[in-house]
Amino acid sequence: MSWLHNVLAGDSEIKGELQELAARAHDETLPAKERLVAMMELGSAVEAGEKIQAAINELEESVDDEPKYVWRNGAKVKVDK
């Protein structure tokens, strides 16, 4: 699941901020420059969130791929998953 989907599914301050930026980007009563700035900020926030989520996913995968070892009878033994 993507970061954006997770944020929009929950109830957080980040969700509120993203919704506010989206509303400003679509508000035709605002000047075009302000709508463009809001759209750029929204895009930057979503892109940053997706990058953070990708980094977290990568870390979780690398931790799971490492072999597990336990001590048995004074020796370190690799444990099958």
PDB file of N, CA and C in Angstrom:
ATOM      1  N   MET A   1       0.832  -1.166   0.000  1.00  0.00           N
ATOM      2  CA  MET A   1       0.000   0.000   0.000  1.00  0.00           C
ATOM      3  C   MET A   1       0.882   1.237   0.000  1.00  0.00           C
ATOM      4  N   SER A   2       0.453   2.221  -0.717  1.00  0.00           N
ATOM      5  CA  SER A   2       1.269   3.429  -0.816  1.00  0.00           C
ATOM      6  C   SER A   2       1.097   4.309   0.423  1.00  0.00           C
ATOM      7  N   TRP A   3       2.042   5.179   0.583  1.00  0.00           N
ATOM      8  CA  TRP A   3       2.024   6.106   1.715  1.00  0.00           C
ATOM      9  C   TRP A   3       0.774   6.973   1.662  1.00  0.00           C
ATOM     10  N   LEU A   4       0.463   7.495   0.498  1.00  0.00           N
ATOM     11  CA  LEU A   4      -0.686   8.391   0.350  1.00  0.00           C
ATOM     12  C   LEU A   4      -1.979   7.663   0.711  1.00  0.00           C
ATOM     13  N   HIS A   5      -2.116   6.435   0.261  1.00  0.00           N
ATOM     14  CA  HIS A   5      -3.316   5.664   0.578  1.00  0.00           C
ATOM     15  C   HIS A   5      -3.429   5.457   2.082  1.00  0.00           C
ATOM     16  N   ASN A   6      -2.316   5.151   2.731  1.00  0.00           N
ATOM     17  CA  ASN A   6      -2.319   4.963   4.192  1.00  0.00           C
ATOM     18  C   ASN A   6      -2.700   6.236   4.924  1.00  0.00           C
ATOM     19  N   VAL A   7      -2.169   7.362   4.475  1.00  0.00           N
ATOM     20  CA  VAL A   7      -2.464   8.642   5.131  1.00  0.00           C
ATOM     21  C   VAL A   7      -3.934   8.999   4.953  1.00  0.00           C
ATOM     22  N   LEU A   8      -4.456   8.831   3.742  1.00  0.00           N
ATOM     23  CA  LEU A   8      -5.842   9.195   3.494  1.00  0.00           C
ATOM     24  C   LEU A   8      -6.824   8.241   4.169  1.00  0.00           C
ATOM     25  N   ALA A   9      -6.397   7.029   4.451  1.00  0.00           N
ATOM     26  CA  ALA A   9      -7.267   6.065   5.131  1.00  0.00           C
ATOM     27  C   ALA A   9      -7.399   6.386   6.615  1.00  0.00           C
ATOM     28  N   GLY A  10      -6.415   7.057   7.172  1.00  0.00           N
ATOM     29  CA  GLY A  10      -6.429   7.370   8.594  1.00  0.00           C
ATOM     30  C   GLY A  10      -6.997   8.741   8.876  1.00  0.00           C
ATOM     31  N   ASP A  11      -6.833   9.172  10.098  1.00  0.00           N
ATOM     32  CA  ASP A  11      -7.294  10.487  10.515  1.00  0.00           C
ATOM     33  C   ASP A  11      -6.119  11.160  11.216  1.00  0.00           C
ATOM     34  N   SER A  12      -5.374  11.965  10.463  1.00  0.00           N
ATOM     35  CA  SER A  12      -4.194  12.591  11.037  1.00  0.00           C
ATOM     36  C   SER A  12      -4.090  14.040  10.591  1.00  0.00           C
ATOM     37  N   GLU A  13      -3.175  14.738  11.211  1.00  0.00           N
ATOM     38  CA  GLU A  13      -2.925  16.132  10.849  1.00  0.00           C
ATOM     39  C   GLU A  13      -2.364  16.222   9.436  1.00  0.00           C
ATOM     40  N   ILE A  14      -1.573  15.229   9.048  1.00  0.00           N
ATOM     41  CA  ILE A  14      -1.005  15.212   7.698  1.00  0.00           C
ATOM     42  C   ILE A  14      -2.122  15.123   6.665  1.00  0.00           C
ATOM     43  N   LYS A  15      -3.107  14.278   6.926  1.00  0.00           N
ATOM     44  CA  LYS A  15      -4.238  14.136   6.015  1.00  0.00           C
ATOM     45  C   LYS A  15      -4.951  15.475   5.854  1.00  0.00           C
ATOM     46  N   GLY A  16      -5.167  16.163   6.951  1.00  0.00           N
ATOM     47  CA  GLY A  16      -5.818  17.471   6.907  1.00  0.00           C
ATOM     48  C   GLY A  16      -5.037  18.474   6.081  1.00  0.00           C
ATOM     49  N   GLU A  17      -3.726  18.484   6.262  1.00  0.00           N
ATOM     50  CA  GLU A  17      -2.877  19.406   5.500  1.00  0.00           C
ATOM     51  C   GLU A  17      -2.928  19.091   4.003  1.00  0.00           C
ATOM     52  N   LEU A  18      -2.867  17.806   3.661  1.00  0.00           N
ATOM     53  CA  LEU A  18      -2.924  17.417   2.250  1.00  0.00           C
ATOM     54  C   LEU A  18      -4.272  17.783   1.630  1.00  0.00           C
ATOM     55  N   GLN A  19      -5.340  17.576   2.372  1.00  0.00           N
ATOM     56  CA  GLN A  19      -6.661  17.925   1.861  1.00  0.00           C
ATOM     57  C   GLN A  19      -6.810  19.433   1.676  1.00  0.00           C
ATOM     58  N   GLU A  20      -6.222  20.193   2.593  1.00  0.00           N
ATOM     59  CA  GLU A  20      -6.269  21.650   2.478  1.00  0.00           C
ATOM     60  C   GLU A  20      -5.498  22.118   1.242  1.00  0.00           C
ATOM     61  N   LEU A  21      -4.322  21.529   1.007  1.00  0.00           N
ATOM     62  CA  LEU A  21      -3.551  21.888  -0.182  1.00  0.00           C
ATOM     63  C   LEU A  21      -4.293  21.501  -1.462  1.00  0.00           C
ATOM     64  N   ALA A  22      -4.933  20.342  -1.453  1.00  0.00           N
ATOM     65  CA  ALA A  22      -5.696  19.909  -2.627  1.00  0.00           C
ATOM     66  C   ALA A  22      -6.865  20.856  -2.889  1.00  0.00           C
ATOM     67  N   ALA A  23      -7.531  21.287  -1.831  1.00  0.00           N
ATOM     68  CA  ALA A  23      -8.652  22.219  -1.985  1.00  0.00           C
ATOM     69  C   ALA A  23      -8.169  23.551  -2.539  1.00  0.00           C
ATOM     70  N   ARG A  24      -7.034  24.031  -2.040  1.00  0.00           N
ATOM     71  CA  ARG A  24      -6.481  25.296  -2.539  1.00  0.00           C
ATOM     72  C   ARG A  24      -6.062  25.172  -4.000  1.00  0.00           C
ATOM     73  N   ALA A  25      -5.541  23.995  -4.383  1.00  0.00           N
ATOM     74  CA  ALA A  25      -5.103  23.799  -5.764  1.00  0.00           C
ATOM     75  C   ALA A  25      -6.284  23.797  -6.737  1.00  0.00           C
ATOM     76  N   HIS A  26      -7.476  23.434  -6.247  1.00  0.00           N
ATOM     77  CA  HIS A  26      -8.652  23.368  -7.115  1.00  0.00           C
ATOM     78  C   HIS A  26      -9.598  24.560  -6.951  1.00  0.00           C
ATOM     79  N   ASP A  27      -9.271  25.479  -6.048  1.00  0.00           N
ATOM     80  CA  ASP A  27     -10.120  26.641  -5.791  1.00  0.00           C
ATOM     81  C   ASP A  27      -9.909  27.675  -6.885  1.00  0.00           C
ATOM     82  N   GLU A  28     -10.900  27.815  -7.756  1.00  0.00           N
ATOM     83  CA  GLU A  28     -10.753  28.728  -8.896  1.00  0.00           C
ATOM     84  C   GLU A  28     -10.942  30.189  -8.519  1.00  0.00           C
ATOM     85  N   THR A  29     -11.286  30.466  -7.265  1.00  0.00           N
ATOM     86  CA  THR A  29     -11.385  31.863  -6.834  1.00  0.00           C
ATOM     87  C   THR A  29     -10.001  32.431  -6.512  1.00  0.00           C
ATOM     88  N   LEU A  30      -9.016  31.545  -6.325  1.00  0.00           N
ATOM     89  CA  LEU A  30      -7.642  31.991  -6.052  1.00  0.00           C
ATOM     90  C   LEU A  30      -6.921  32.287  -7.359  1.00  0.00           C
ATOM     91  N   PRO A  31      -5.932  33.175  -7.303  1.00  0.00           N
ATOM     92  CA  PRO A  31      -5.133  33.417  -8.504  1.00  0.00           C
ATOM     93  C   PRO A  31      -4.403  32.138  -8.939  1.00  0.00           C
ATOM     94  N   ALA A  32      -4.111  32.065 -10.222  1.00  0.00           N
ATOM     95  CA  ALA A  32      -3.472  30.873 -10.788  1.00  0.00           C
ATOM     96  C   ALA A  32      -2.139  30.569 -10.102  1.00  0.00           C
ATOM     97  N   LYS A  33      -1.390  31.609  -9.744  1.00  0.00           N
ATOM     98  CA  LYS A  33      -0.097  31.399  -9.106  1.00  0.00           C
ATOM     99  C   LYS A  33      -0.260  30.705  -7.754  1.00  0.00           C
ATOM    100  N   GLU A  34      -1.243  31.118  -6.956  1.00  0.00           N
ATOM    101  CA  GLU A  34      -1.468  30.496  -5.644  1.00  0.00           C
ATOM    102  C   GLU A  34      -1.913  29.044  -5.794  1.00  0.00           C
ATOM    103  N   ARG A  35      -2.753  28.765  -6.798  1.00  0.00           N
ATOM    104  CA  ARG A  35      -3.179  27.380  -7.036  1.00  0.00           C
ATOM    105  C   ARG A  35      -1.998  26.527  -7.464  1.00  0.00           C
ATOM    106  N   LEU A  36      -1.137  27.088  -8.304  1.00  0.00           N
ATOM    107  CA  LEU A  36       0.041  26.353  -8.760  1.00  0.00           C
ATOM    108  C   LEU A  36       0.991  26.063  -7.598  1.00  0.00           C
ATOM    109  N   VAL A  37       1.189  27.040  -6.732  1.00  0.00           N
ATOM    110  CA  VAL A  37       2.051  26.845  -5.567  1.00  0.00           C
ATOM    111  C   VAL A  37       1.470  25.754  -4.662  1.00  0.00           C
ATOM    112  N   ALA A  38       0.156  25.786  -4.445  1.00  0.00           N
ATOM    113  CA  ALA A  38      -0.480  24.760  -3.611  1.00  0.00           C
ATOM    114  C   ALA A  38      -0.312  23.383  -4.250  1.00  0.00           C
ATOM    115  N   MET A  39      -0.452  23.295  -5.568  1.00  0.00           N
ATOM    116  CA  MET A  39      -0.300  22.017  -6.254  1.00  0.00           C
ATOM    117  C   MET A  39       1.135  21.512  -6.167  1.00  0.00           C
ATOM    118  N   MET A  40       2.093  22.428  -6.272  1.00  0.00           N
ATOM    119  CA  MET A  40       3.504  22.043  -6.163  1.00  0.00           C
ATOM    120  C   MET A  40       3.822  21.574  -4.744  1.00  0.00           C
ATOM    121  N   GLU A  41       3.299  22.259  -3.736  1.00  0.00           N
ATOM    122  CA  GLU A  41       3.514  21.849  -2.346  1.00  0.00           C
ATOM    123  C   GLU A  41       2.889  20.481  -2.084  1.00  0.00           C
ATOM    124  N   LEU A  42       1.703  20.259  -2.625  1.00  0.00           N
ATOM    125  CA  LEU A  42       1.031  18.971  -2.474  1.00  0.00           C
ATOM    126  C   LEU A  42       1.861  17.864  -3.119  1.00  0.00           C
ATOM    127  N   GLY A  43       2.332  18.107  -4.322  1.00  0.00           N
ATOM    128  CA  GLY A  43       3.159  17.116  -5.011  1.00  0.00           C
ATOM    129  C   GLY A  43       4.449  16.827  -4.259  1.00  0.00           C
ATOM    130  N   SER A  44       5.078  17.869  -3.739  1.00  0.00           N
ATOM    131  CA  SER A  44       6.322  17.688  -2.985  1.00  0.00           C
ATOM    132  C   SER A  44       6.083  16.884  -1.709  1.00  0.00           C
ATOM    133  N   ALA A  45       4.991  17.169  -1.021  1.00  0.00           N
ATOM    134  CA  ALA A  45       4.677  16.444   0.217  1.00  0.00           C
ATOM    135  C   ALA A  45       4.416  14.969  -0.063  1.00  0.00           C
ATOM    136  N   VAL A  46       3.656  14.689  -1.100  1.00  0.00           N
ATOM    137  CA  VAL A  46       3.349  13.294  -1.443  1.00  0.00           C
ATOM    138  C   VAL A  46       4.617  12.565  -1.883  1.00  0.00           C
ATOM    139  N   GLU A  47       5.432  13.224  -2.695  1.00  0.00           N
ATOM    140  CA  GLU A  47       6.679  12.604  -3.153  1.00  0.00           C
ATOM    141  C   GLU A  47       7.606  12.294  -1.976  1.00  0.00           C
ATOM    142  N   ALA A  48       7.730  13.230  -1.039  1.00  0.00           N
ATOM    143  CA  ALA A  48       8.576  13.014   0.140  1.00  0.00           C
ATOM    144  C   ALA A  48       8.037  11.862   0.984  1.00  0.00           C
ATOM    145  N   GLY A  49       6.738  11.807   1.161  1.00  0.00           N
ATOM    146  CA  GLY A  49       6.136  10.722   1.930  1.00  0.00           C
ATOM    147  C   GLY A  49       6.359   9.367   1.280  1.00  0.00           C
ATOM    148  N   GLU A  50       6.233   9.315  -0.045  1.00  0.00           N
ATOM    149  CA  GLU A  50       6.457   8.055  -0.766  1.00  0.00           C
ATOM    150  C   GLU A  50       7.920   7.618  -0.646  1.00  0.00           C
ATOM    151  N   LYS A  51       8.846   8.573  -0.688  1.00  0.00           N
ATOM    152  CA  LYS A  51      10.270   8.236  -0.535  1.00  0.00           C
ATOM    153  C   LYS A  51      10.547   7.691   0.865  1.00  0.00           C
ATOM    154  N   ILE A  52       9.953   8.309   1.863  1.00  0.00           N
ATOM    155  CA  ILE A  52      10.132   7.837   3.238  1.00  0.00           C
ATOM    156  C   ILE A  52       9.570   6.433   3.375  1.00  0.00           C
ATOM    157  N   GLN A  53       8.381   6.188   2.809  1.00  0.00           N
ATOM    158  CA  GLN A  53       7.772   4.858   2.892  1.00  0.00           C
ATOM    159  C   GLN A  53       8.633   3.827   2.169  1.00  0.00           C
ATOM    160  N   ALA A  54       9.210   4.189   1.016  1.00  0.00           N
ATOM    161  CA  ALA A  54      10.076   3.261   0.292  1.00  0.00           C
ATOM    162  C   ALA A  54      11.317   2.922   1.112  1.00  0.00           C
ATOM    163  N   ALA A  55      11.885   3.923   1.788  1.00  0.00           N
ATOM    164  CA  ALA A  55      13.052   3.674   2.629  1.00  0.00           C
ATOM    165  C   ALA A  55      12.698   2.756   3.801  1.00  0.00           C
ATOM    166  N   ILE A  56      11.539   2.971   4.394  1.00  0.00           N
ATOM    167  CA  ILE A  56      11.099   2.120   5.502  1.00  0.00           C
ATOM    168  C   ILE A  56      10.897   0.691   5.013  1.00  0.00           C
ATOM    169  N   ASN A  57      10.248   0.540   3.868  1.00  0.00           N
ATOM    170  CA  ASN A  57      10.024  -0.798   3.310  1.00  0.00           C
ATOM    171  C   ASN A  57      11.338  -1.500   3.012  1.00  0.00           C
ATOM    172  N   GLU A  58      12.299  -0.750   2.484  1.00  0.00           N
ATOM    173  CA  GLU A  58      13.617  -1.320   2.173  1.00  0.00           C
ATOM    174  C   GLU A  58      14.323  -1.783   3.446  1.00  0.00           C
ATOM    175  N   LEU A  59      14.234  -0.997   4.492  1.00  0.00           N
ATOM    176  CA  LEU A  59      14.846  -1.380   5.770  1.00  0.00           C
ATOM    177  C   LEU A  59      14.187  -2.634   6.338  1.00  0.00           C
ATOM    178  N   GLU A  60      12.865  -2.694   6.261  1.00  0.00           N
ATOM    179  CA  GLU A  60      12.158  -3.863   6.771  1.00  0.00           C
ATOM    180  C   GLU A  60      12.541  -5.118   5.992  1.00  0.00           C
ATOM    181  N   GLU A  61      12.696  -4.993   4.674  1.00  0.00           N
ATOM    182  CA  GLU A  61      13.079  -6.144   3.857  1.00  0.00           C
ATOM    183  C   GLU A  61      14.497  -6.598   4.180  1.00  0.00           C
ATOM    184  N   SER A  62      15.401  -5.646   4.384  1.00  0.00           N
ATOM    185  CA  SER A  62      16.785  -6.019   4.655  1.00  0.00           C
ATOM    186  C   SER A  62      16.920  -6.698   6.016  1.00  0.00           C
ATOM    187  N   VAL A  63      16.119  -6.305   6.966  1.00  0.00           N
ATOM    188  CA  VAL A  63      16.154  -6.922   8.290  1.00  0.00           C
ATOM    189  C   VAL A  63      15.619  -8.346   8.202  1.00  0.00           C
ATOM    190  N   ASP A  64      14.573  -8.566   7.421  1.00  0.00           N
ATOM    191  CA  ASP A  64      13.978  -9.894   7.300  1.00  0.00           C
ATOM    192  C   ASP A  64      14.870 -10.864   6.540  1.00  0.00           C
ATOM    193  N   ASP A  65      15.727 -10.373   5.655  1.00  0.00           N
ATOM    194  CA  ASP A  65      16.571 -11.235   4.834  1.00  0.00           C
ATOM    195  C   ASP A  65      17.794 -11.753   5.582  1.00  0.00           C
ATOM    196  N   GLU A  66      18.130 -11.137   6.679  1.00  0.00           N
ATOM    197  CA  GLU A  66      19.317 -11.557   7.413  1.00  0.00           C
ATOM    198  C   GLU A  66      19.076 -12.905   8.078  1.00  0.00           C
ATOM    199  N   PRO A  67      20.046 -13.790   8.028  1.00  0.00           N
ATOM    200  CA  PRO A  67      19.876 -15.086   8.684  1.00  0.00           C
ATOM    201  C   PRO A  67      19.798 -14.908  10.198  1.00  0.00           C
ATOM    202  N   LYS A  68      19.081 -15.790  10.835  1.00  0.00           N
ATOM    203  CA  LYS A  68      18.931 -15.740  12.290  1.00  0.00           C
ATOM    204  C   LYS A  68      19.820 -16.807  12.912  1.00  0.00           C
ATOM    205  N   TYR A  69      20.467 -16.430  14.009  1.00  0.00           N
ATOM    206  CA  TYR A  69      21.364 -17.340  14.717  1.00  0.00           C
ATOM    207  C   TYR A  69      20.937 -17.446  16.172  1.00  0.00           C
ATOM    208  N   VAL A  70      21.111 -18.621  16.736  1.00  0.00           N
ATOM    209  CA  VAL A  70      20.864 -18.840  18.161  1.00  0.00           C
ATOM    210  C   VAL A  70      22.051 -19.595  18.742  1.00  0.00           C
ATOM    211  N   TRP A  71      22.189 -19.496  20.050  1.00  0.00           N
ATOM    212  CA  TRP A  71      23.259 -20.231  20.725  1.00  0.00           C
ATOM    213  C   TRP A  71      22.714 -21.568  21.208  1.00  0.00           C
ATOM    214  N   ARG A  72      23.355 -22.665  20.788  1.00  0.00           N
ATOM    215  CA  ARG A  72      22.966 -24.008  21.234  1.00  0.00           C
ATOM    216  C   ARG A  72      24.224 -24.777  21.622  1.00  0.00           C
ATOM    217  N   ASN A  73      24.234 -25.257  22.818  1.00  0.00           N
ATOM    218  CA  ASN A  73      25.357 -26.046  23.329  1.00  0.00           C
ATOM    219  C   ASN A  73      26.699 -25.326  23.137  1.00  0.00           C
ATOM    220  N   GLY A  74      26.683 -24.029  23.357  1.00  0.00           N
ATOM    221  CA  GLY A  74      27.917 -23.268  23.282  1.00  0.00           C
ATOM    222  C   GLY A  74      28.350 -22.902  21.874  1.00  0.00           C
ATOM    223  N   ALA A  75      27.508 -23.158  20.870  1.00  0.00           N
ATOM    224  CA  ALA A  75      27.857 -22.819  19.494  1.00  0.00           C
ATOM    225  C   ALA A  75      26.756 -21.954  18.885  1.00  0.00           C
ATOM    226  N   LYS A  76      27.168 -21.047  18.003  1.00  0.00           N
ATOM    227  CA  LYS A  76      26.202 -20.195  17.316  1.00  0.00           C
ATOM    228  C   LYS A  76      25.718 -20.944  16.076  1.00  0.00           C
ATOM    229  N   VAL A  77      24.404 -21.230  16.003  1.00  0.00           N
ATOM    230  CA  VAL A  77      23.840 -22.057  14.946  1.00  0.00           C
ATOM    231  C   VAL A  77      22.821 -21.251  14.151  1.00  0.00           C
ATOM    232  N   LYS A  78      22.881 -21.369  12.827  1.00  0.00           N
ATOM    233  CA  LYS A  78      21.937 -20.686  11.947  1.00  0.00           C
ATOM    234  C   LYS A  78      20.590 -21.402  12.032  1.00  0.00           C
ATOM    235  N   VAL A  79      19.524 -20.624  12.190  1.00  0.00           N
ATOM    236  CA  VAL A  79      18.180 -21.171  12.314  1.00  0.00           C
ATOM    237  C   VAL A  79      17.440 -20.939  11.006  1.00  0.00           C
ATOM    238  N   ASP A  80      16.805 -21.999  10.476  1.00  0.00           N
ATOM    239  CA  ASP A  80      15.986 -21.857   9.282  1.00  0.00           C
ATOM    240  C   ASP A  80      14.682 -21.169   9.652  1.00  0.00           C
ATOM    241  N   LYS A  81      14.192 -20.396   8.735  1.00  0.00           N
ATOM    242  CA  LYS A  81      12.941 -19.662   8.969  1.00  0.00           C
ATOM    243  C   LYS A  81      11.800 -20.532   8.757  1.00  0.00           C
TER     244      LYS A  81
END
